[in-house]
Amino acid sequence: MPFKKVRGNIAPGEMRQASNPEAAARLAGTMAARFVGVAAYAVMVDMESGDMSSPRILCQYGEVADIAA
């Protein structure tokens, strides 16, 4: 998930899905130079509703916001 500065605050951008933790970490590393911050998360997904919960950070670059808050 990329993060950008919006009116002086850190805001999440559009989430990108990866097939596994290693791919998520590679994708985050690739995106890091283009954003103020990037983080790769592992999340639990409810297959019926599509809701995501229990985010666990895999890696981060730069400034990121707490998405669990």
PDB file of N, CA and C in Angstrom:
ATOM      1  N   MET A   1       0.840  -1.162   0.000  1.00  0.00           N
ATOM      2  CA  MET A   1       0.000   0.000   0.000  1.00  0.00           C
ATOM      3  C   MET A   1       0.893   1.236   0.000  1.00  0.00           C
ATOM      4  N   PRO A   2       0.707   2.101  -0.992  1.00  0.00           N
ATOM      5  CA  PRO A   2       1.475   3.344  -1.018  1.00  0.00           C
ATOM      6  C   PRO A   2       0.832   4.392  -0.120  1.00  0.00           C
ATOM      7  N   PHE A   3       1.632   5.323   0.364  1.00  0.00           N
ATOM      8  CA  PHE A   3       1.149   6.439   1.168  1.00  0.00           C
ATOM      9  C   PHE A   3       1.654   7.727   0.545  1.00  0.00           C
ATOM     10  N   LYS A   4       0.839   8.777   0.631  1.00  0.00           N
ATOM     11  CA  LYS A   4       1.207  10.078   0.077  1.00  0.00           C
ATOM     12  C   LYS A   4       0.865  11.165   1.077  1.00  0.00           C
ATOM     13  N   LYS A   5       1.438  12.344   0.882  1.00  0.00           N
ATOM     14  CA  LYS A   5       1.133  13.500   1.734  1.00  0.00           C
ATOM     15  C   LYS A   5      -0.090  14.200   1.166  1.00  0.00           C
ATOM     16  N   VAL A   6      -1.079  14.432   2.029  1.00  0.00           N
ATOM     17  CA  VAL A   6      -2.279  15.169   1.657  1.00  0.00           C
ATOM     18  C   VAL A   6      -2.509  16.222   2.725  1.00  0.00           C
ATOM     19  N   ARG A   7      -2.338  17.484   2.361  1.00  0.00           N
ATOM     20  CA  ARG A   7      -2.496  18.601   3.297  1.00  0.00           C
ATOM     21  C   ARG A   7      -1.651  18.418   4.556  1.00  0.00           C
ATOM     22  N   GLY A   8      -0.444  17.952   4.382  1.00  0.00           N
ATOM     23  CA  GLY A   8       0.484  17.788   5.498  1.00  0.00           C
ATOM     24  C   GLY A   8       0.330  16.492   6.272  1.00  0.00           C
ATOM     25  N   ASN A   9      -0.654  15.672   5.943  1.00  0.00           N
ATOM     26  CA  ASN A   9      -0.859  14.390   6.627  1.00  0.00           C
ATOM     27  C   ASN A   9      -0.523  13.239   5.695  1.00  0.00           C
ATOM     28  N   ILE A  10      -0.253  12.087   6.276  1.00  0.00           N
ATOM     29  CA  ILE A  10       0.015  10.873   5.492  1.00  0.00           C
ATOM     30  C   ILE A  10      -1.318  10.182   5.227  1.00  0.00           C
ATOM     31  N   ALA A  11      -1.599   9.894   3.950  1.00  0.00           N
ATOM     32  CA  ALA A  11      -2.851   9.237   3.564  1.00  0.00           C
ATOM     33  C   ALA A  11      -2.548   8.014   2.710  1.00  0.00           C
ATOM     34  N   PRO A  12      -3.308   6.934   2.894  1.00  0.00           N
ATOM     35  CA  PRO A  12      -3.086   5.736   2.086  1.00  0.00           C
ATOM     36  C   PRO A  12      -3.555   5.936   0.653  1.00  0.00           C
ATOM     37  N   GLY A  13      -2.842   5.316  -0.267  1.00  0.00           N
ATOM     38  CA  GLY A  13      -3.229   5.321  -1.675  1.00  0.00           C
ATOM     39  C   GLY A  13      -3.967   4.029  -1.995  1.00  0.00           C
ATOM     40  N   GLU A  14      -4.007   3.691  -3.255  1.00  0.00           N
ATOM     41  CA  GLU A  14      -4.720   2.498  -3.700  1.00  0.00           C
ATOM     42  C   GLU A  14      -3.928   1.234  -3.358  1.00  0.00           C
ATOM     43  N   MET A  15      -4.588   0.305  -2.708  1.00  0.00           N
ATOM     44  CA  MET A  15      -3.946  -0.947  -2.295  1.00  0.00           C
ATOM     45  C   MET A  15      -3.704  -1.836  -3.516  1.00  0.00           C
ATOM     46  N   ARG A  16      -2.542  -2.461  -3.548  1.00  0.00           N
ATOM     47  CA  ARG A  16      -2.214  -3.430  -4.596  1.00  0.00           C
ATOM     48  C   ARG A  16      -2.112  -4.800  -3.961  1.00  0.00           C
ATOM     49  N   GLN A  17      -2.719  -5.788  -4.555  1.00  0.00           N
ATOM     50  CA  GLN A  17      -2.721  -7.146  -4.027  1.00  0.00           C
ATOM     51  C   GLN A  17      -1.519  -7.910  -4.562  1.00  0.00           C
ATOM     52  N   ALA A  18      -0.980  -8.792  -3.718  1.00  0.00           N
ATOM     53  CA  ALA A  18       0.122  -9.669  -4.128  1.00  0.00           C
ATOM     54  C   ALA A  18      -0.267 -11.109  -3.807  1.00  0.00           C
ATOM     55  N   SER A  19       0.354 -12.053  -4.486  1.00  0.00           N
ATOM     56  CA  SER A  19      -0.013 -13.461  -4.331  1.00  0.00           C
ATOM     57  C   SER A  19       0.588 -14.128  -3.099  1.00  0.00           C
ATOM     58  N   ASN A  20       1.678 -13.553  -2.562  1.00  0.00           N
ATOM     59  CA  ASN A  20       2.312 -14.134  -1.383  1.00  0.00           C
ATOM     60  C   ASN A  20       3.166 -13.065  -0.694  1.00  0.00           C
ATOM     61  N   PRO A  21       3.638 -13.330   0.524  1.00  0.00           N
ATOM     62  CA  PRO A  21       4.411 -12.319   1.256  1.00  0.00           C
ATOM     63  C   PRO A  21       5.677 -11.847   0.537  1.00  0.00           C
ATOM     64  N   GLU A  22       6.365 -12.740  -0.130  1.00  0.00           N
ATOM     65  CA  GLU A  22       7.591 -12.361  -0.836  1.00  0.00           C
ATOM     66  C   GLU A  22       7.278 -11.410  -1.990  1.00  0.00           C
ATOM     67  N   ALA A  23       6.210 -11.697  -2.724  1.00  0.00           N
ATOM     68  CA  ALA A  23       5.809 -10.827  -3.832  1.00  0.00           C
ATOM     69  C   ALA A  23       5.377  -9.463  -3.299  1.00  0.00           C
ATOM     70  N   ALA A  24       4.710  -9.434  -2.152  1.00  0.00           N
ATOM     71  CA  ALA A  24       4.288  -8.172  -1.545  1.00  0.00           C
ATOM     72  C   ALA A  24       5.503  -7.326  -1.163  1.00  0.00           C
ATOM     73  N   ALA A  25       6.507  -7.941  -0.587  1.00  0.00           N
ATOM     74  CA  ALA A  25       7.719  -7.220  -0.196  1.00  0.00           C
ATOM     75  C   ALA A  25       8.459  -6.697  -1.430  1.00  0.00           C
ATOM     76  N   ARG A  26       8.529  -7.486  -2.491  1.00  0.00           N
ATOM     77  CA  ARG A  26       9.183  -7.033  -3.737  1.00  0.00           C
ATOM     78  C   ARG A  26       8.424  -5.849  -4.341  1.00  0.00           C
ATOM     79  N   LEU A  27       7.103  -5.935  -4.362  1.00  0.00           N
ATOM     80  CA  LEU A  27       6.283  -4.866  -4.907  1.00  0.00           C
ATOM     81  C   LEU A  27       6.463  -3.587  -4.096  1.00  0.00           C
ATOM     82  N   ALA A  28       6.483  -3.700  -2.786  1.00  0.00           N
ATOM     83  CA  ALA A  28       6.692  -2.534  -1.921  1.00  0.00           C
ATOM     84  C   ALA A  28       8.047  -1.892  -2.203  1.00  0.00           C
ATOM     85  N   GLY A  29       9.069  -2.694  -2.341  1.00  0.00           N
ATOM     86  CA  GLY A  29      10.406  -2.174  -2.642  1.00  0.00           C
ATOM     87  C   GLY A  29      10.452  -1.447  -3.972  1.00  0.00           C
ATOM     88  N   THR A  30       9.746  -1.970  -4.957  1.00  0.00           N
ATOM     89  CA  THR A  30       9.696  -1.342  -6.278  1.00  0.00           C
ATOM     90  C   THR A  30       8.966  -0.005  -6.229  1.00  0.00           C
ATOM     91  N   MET A  31       7.917   0.086  -5.421  1.00  0.00           N
ATOM     92  CA  MET A  31       7.109   1.297  -5.333  1.00  0.00           C
ATOM     93  C   MET A  31       7.733   2.372  -4.440  1.00  0.00           C
ATOM     94  N   ALA A  32       8.675   2.013  -3.595  1.00  0.00           N
ATOM     95  CA  ALA A  32       9.202   2.903  -2.553  1.00  0.00           C
ATOM     96  C   ALA A  32       9.748   4.231  -3.080  1.00  0.00           C
ATOM     97  N   ALA A  33      10.361   4.240  -4.228  1.00  0.00           N
ATOM     98  CA  ALA A  33      10.963   5.468  -4.748  1.00  0.00           C
ATOM     99  C   ALA A  33       9.925   6.475  -5.241  1.00  0.00           C
ATOM    100  N   ARG A  34       8.696   6.026  -5.480  1.00  0.00           N
ATOM    101  CA  ARG A  34       7.679   6.907  -6.054  1.00  0.00           C
ATOM    102  C   ARG A  34       6.709   7.507  -5.032  1.00  0.00           C
ATOM    103  N   PHE A  35       6.788   7.089  -3.778  1.00  0.00           N
ATOM    104  CA  PHE A  35       5.838   7.533  -2.760  1.00  0.00           C
ATOM    105  C   PHE A  35       6.565   7.977  -1.500  1.00  0.00           C
ATOM    106  N   VAL A  36       5.883   8.748  -0.647  1.00  0.00           N
ATOM    107  CA  VAL A  36       6.470   9.199   0.611  1.00  0.00           C
ATOM    108  C   VAL A  36       6.652   7.999   1.554  1.00  0.00           C
ATOM    109  N   GLY A  37       5.859   6.958   1.359  1.00  0.00           N
ATOM    110  CA  GLY A  37       5.980   5.743   2.142  1.00  0.00           C
ATOM    111  C   GLY A  37       5.253   4.604   1.458  1.00  0.00           C
ATOM    112  N   VAL A  38       5.681   3.386   1.742  1.00  0.00           N
ATOM    113  CA  VAL A  38       5.052   2.178   1.204  1.00  0.00           C
ATOM    114  C   VAL A  38       5.139   1.106   2.280  1.00  0.00           C
ATOM    115  N   ALA A  39       4.072   0.338   2.433  1.00  0.00           N
ATOM    116  CA  ALA A  39       4.080  -0.771   3.383  1.00  0.00           C
ATOM    117  C   ALA A  39       3.435  -1.986   2.740  1.00  0.00           C
ATOM    118  N   ALA A  40       3.951  -3.150   3.065  1.00  0.00           N
ATOM    119  CA  ALA A  40       3.348  -4.412   2.641  1.00  0.00           C
ATOM    120  C   ALA A  40       2.716  -5.040   3.879  1.00  0.00           C
ATOM    121  N   TYR A  41       1.449  -5.421   3.754  1.00  0.00           N
ATOM    122  CA  TYR A  41       0.700  -6.008   4.861  1.00  0.00           C
ATOM    123  C   TYR A  41       0.196  -7.390   4.500  1.00  0.00           C
ATOM    124  N   ALA A  42       0.101  -8.248   5.502  1.00  0.00           N
ATOM    125  CA  ALA A  42      -0.637  -9.508   5.402  1.00  0.00           C
ATOM    126  C   ALA A  42      -1.953  -9.245   6.120  1.00  0.00           C
ATOM    127  N   VAL A  43      -3.067  -9.590   5.504  1.00  0.00           N
ATOM    128  CA  VAL A  43      -4.378  -9.365   6.110  1.00  0.00           C
ATOM    129  C   VAL A  43      -5.220 -10.635   6.017  1.00  0.00           C
ATOM    130  N   MET A  44      -6.192 -10.726   6.912  1.00  0.00           N
ATOM    131  CA  MET A  44      -7.184 -11.801   6.853  1.00  0.00           C
ATOM    132  C   MET A  44      -8.348 -11.272   6.021  1.00  0.00           C
ATOM    133  N   VAL A  45      -8.835 -12.066   5.067  1.00  0.00           N
ATOM    134  CA  VAL A  45      -9.936 -11.637   4.209  1.00  0.00           C
ATOM    135  C   VAL A  45     -11.115 -12.579   4.402  1.00  0.00           C
ATOM    136  N   ASP A  46     -12.278 -12.000   4.693  1.00  0.00           N
ATOM    137  CA  ASP A  46     -13.521 -12.761   4.772  1.00  0.00           C
ATOM    138  C   ASP A  46     -13.992 -12.969   3.340  1.00  0.00           C
ATOM    139  N   MET A  47     -13.976 -14.200   2.877  1.00  0.00           N
ATOM    140  CA  MET A  47     -14.278 -14.489   1.475  1.00  0.00           C
ATOM    141  C   MET A  47     -15.729 -14.160   1.111  1.00  0.00           C
ATOM    142  N   GLU A  48     -16.641 -14.209   2.064  1.00  0.00           N
ATOM    143  CA  GLU A  48     -18.039 -13.891   1.770  1.00  0.00           C
ATOM    144  C   GLU A  48     -18.276 -12.399   1.613  1.00  0.00           C
ATOM    145  N   SER A  49     -17.745 -11.606   2.539  1.00  0.00           N
ATOM    146  CA  SER A  49     -18.002 -10.166   2.522  1.00  0.00           C
ATOM    147  C   SER A  49     -16.901  -9.364   1.829  1.00  0.00           C
ATOM    148  N   GLY A  50     -15.692  -9.930   1.750  1.00  0.00           N
ATOM    149  CA  GLY A  50     -14.558  -9.199   1.196  1.00  0.00           C
ATOM    150  C   GLY A  50     -13.886  -8.286   2.201  1.00  0.00           C
ATOM    151  N   ASP A  51     -14.383  -8.277   3.450  1.00  0.00           N
ATOM    152  CA  ASP A  51     -13.798  -7.439   4.497  1.00  0.00           C
ATOM    153  C   ASP A  51     -12.412  -7.928   4.879  1.00  0.00           C
ATOM    154  N   MET A  52     -11.517  -6.982   5.140  1.00  0.00           N
ATOM    155  CA  MET A  52     -10.161  -7.306   5.560  1.00  0.00           C
ATOM    156  C   MET A  52      -9.989  -6.960   7.032  1.00  0.00           C
ATOM    157  N   SER A  53      -9.225  -7.790   7.757  1.00  0.00           N
ATOM    158  CA  SER A  53      -8.978  -7.535   9.179  1.00  0.00           C
ATOM    159  C   SER A  53      -7.594  -8.055   9.555  1.00  0.00           C
ATOM    160  N   SER A  54      -7.189  -7.738  10.776  1.00  0.00           N
ATOM    161  CA  SER A  54      -5.927  -8.200  11.358  1.00  0.00           C
ATOM    162  C   SER A  54      -4.704  -7.890  10.493  1.00  0.00           C
ATOM    163  N   PRO A  55      -4.512  -6.618  10.092  1.00  0.00           N
ATOM    164  CA  PRO A  55      -3.335  -6.315   9.280  1.00  0.00           C
ATOM    165  C   PRO A  55      -2.041  -6.525  10.070  1.00  0.00           C
ATOM    166  N   ARG A  56      -1.082  -7.152   9.406  1.00  0.00           N
ATOM    167  CA  ARG A  56       0.243  -7.400   9.998  1.00  0.00           C
ATOM    168  C   ARG A  56       1.267  -6.891   8.992  1.00  0.00           C
ATOM    169  N   ILE A  57       2.116  -5.970   9.444  1.00  0.00           N
ATOM    170  CA  ILE A  57       3.080  -5.363   8.523  1.00  0.00           C
ATOM    171  C   ILE A  57       4.203  -6.351   8.203  1.00  0.00           C
ATOM    172  N   LEU A  58       4.500  -6.472   6.914  1.00  0.00           N
ATOM    173  CA  LEU A  58       5.587  -7.346   6.454  1.00  0.00           C
ATOM    174  C   LEU A  58       6.866  -6.545   6.263  1.00  0.00           C
ATOM    175  N   CYS A  59       6.739  -5.341   5.691  1.00  0.00           N
ATOM    176  CA  CYS A  59       7.882  -4.442   5.517  1.00  0.00           C
ATOM    177  C   CYS A  59       7.350  -3.046   5.254  1.00  0.00           C
ATOM    178  N   GLN A  60       8.193  -2.050   5.487  1.00  0.00           N
ATOM    179  CA  GLN A  60       7.782  -0.678   5.204  1.00  0.00           C
ATOM    180  C   GLN A  60       8.984   0.151   4.795  1.00  0.00           C
ATOM    181  N   TYR A  61       8.693   1.166   3.986  1.00  0.00           N
ATOM    182  CA  TYR A  61       9.684   2.121   3.510  1.00  0.00           C
ATOM    183  C   TYR A  61       9.121   3.509   3.735  1.00  0.00           C
ATOM    184  N   GLY A  62       9.903   4.425   4.270  1.00  0.00           N
ATOM    185  CA  GLY A  62       9.479   5.800   4.441  1.00  0.00           C
ATOM    186  C   GLY A  62       8.401   5.977   5.482  1.00  0.00           C
ATOM    187  N   GLU A  63       7.548   7.008   5.279  1.00  0.00           N
ATOM    188  CA  GLU A  63       6.497   7.352   6.240  1.00  0.00           C
ATOM    189  C   GLU A  63       5.206   6.611   5.874  1.00  0.00           C
ATOM    190  N   VAL A  64       4.634   5.917   6.855  1.00  0.00           N
ATOM    191  CA  VAL A  64       3.368   5.223   6.651  1.00  0.00           C
ATOM    192  C   VAL A  64       2.433   5.559   7.807  1.00  0.00           C
ATOM    193  N   ALA A  65       1.133   5.419   7.560  1.00  0.00           N
ATOM    194  CA  ALA A  65       0.122   5.647   8.587  1.00  0.00           C
ATOM    195  C   ALA A  65      -0.332   4.303   9.140  1.00  0.00           C
ATOM    196  N   ASP A  66      -0.904   4.325  10.339  1.00  0.00           N
ATOM    197  CA  ASP A  66      -1.425   3.116  10.962  1.00  0.00           C
ATOM    198  C   ASP A  66      -2.780   2.788  10.345  1.00  0.00           C
ATOM    199  N   ILE A  67      -2.873   1.741   9.537  1.00  0.00           N
ATOM    200  CA  ILE A  67      -4.133   1.400   8.894  1.00  0.00           C
ATOM    201  C   ILE A  67      -5.082   0.677   9.837  1.00  0.00           C
ATOM    202  N   ALA A  68      -4.590   0.201  10.969  1.00  0.00           N
ATOM    203  CA  ALA A  68      -5.450  -0.493  11.924  1.00  0.00           C
ATOM    204  C   ALA A  68      -6.231   0.483  12.792  1.00  0.00           C
ATOM    205  N   ALA A  69      -5.844   1.748  12.786  1.00  0.00           N
ATOM    206  CA  ALA A  69      -6.504   2.758  13.634  1.00  0.00           C
ATOM    207  C   ALA A  69      -7.869   3.132  13.094  1.00  0.00           C
TER     208      ALA A  69
END
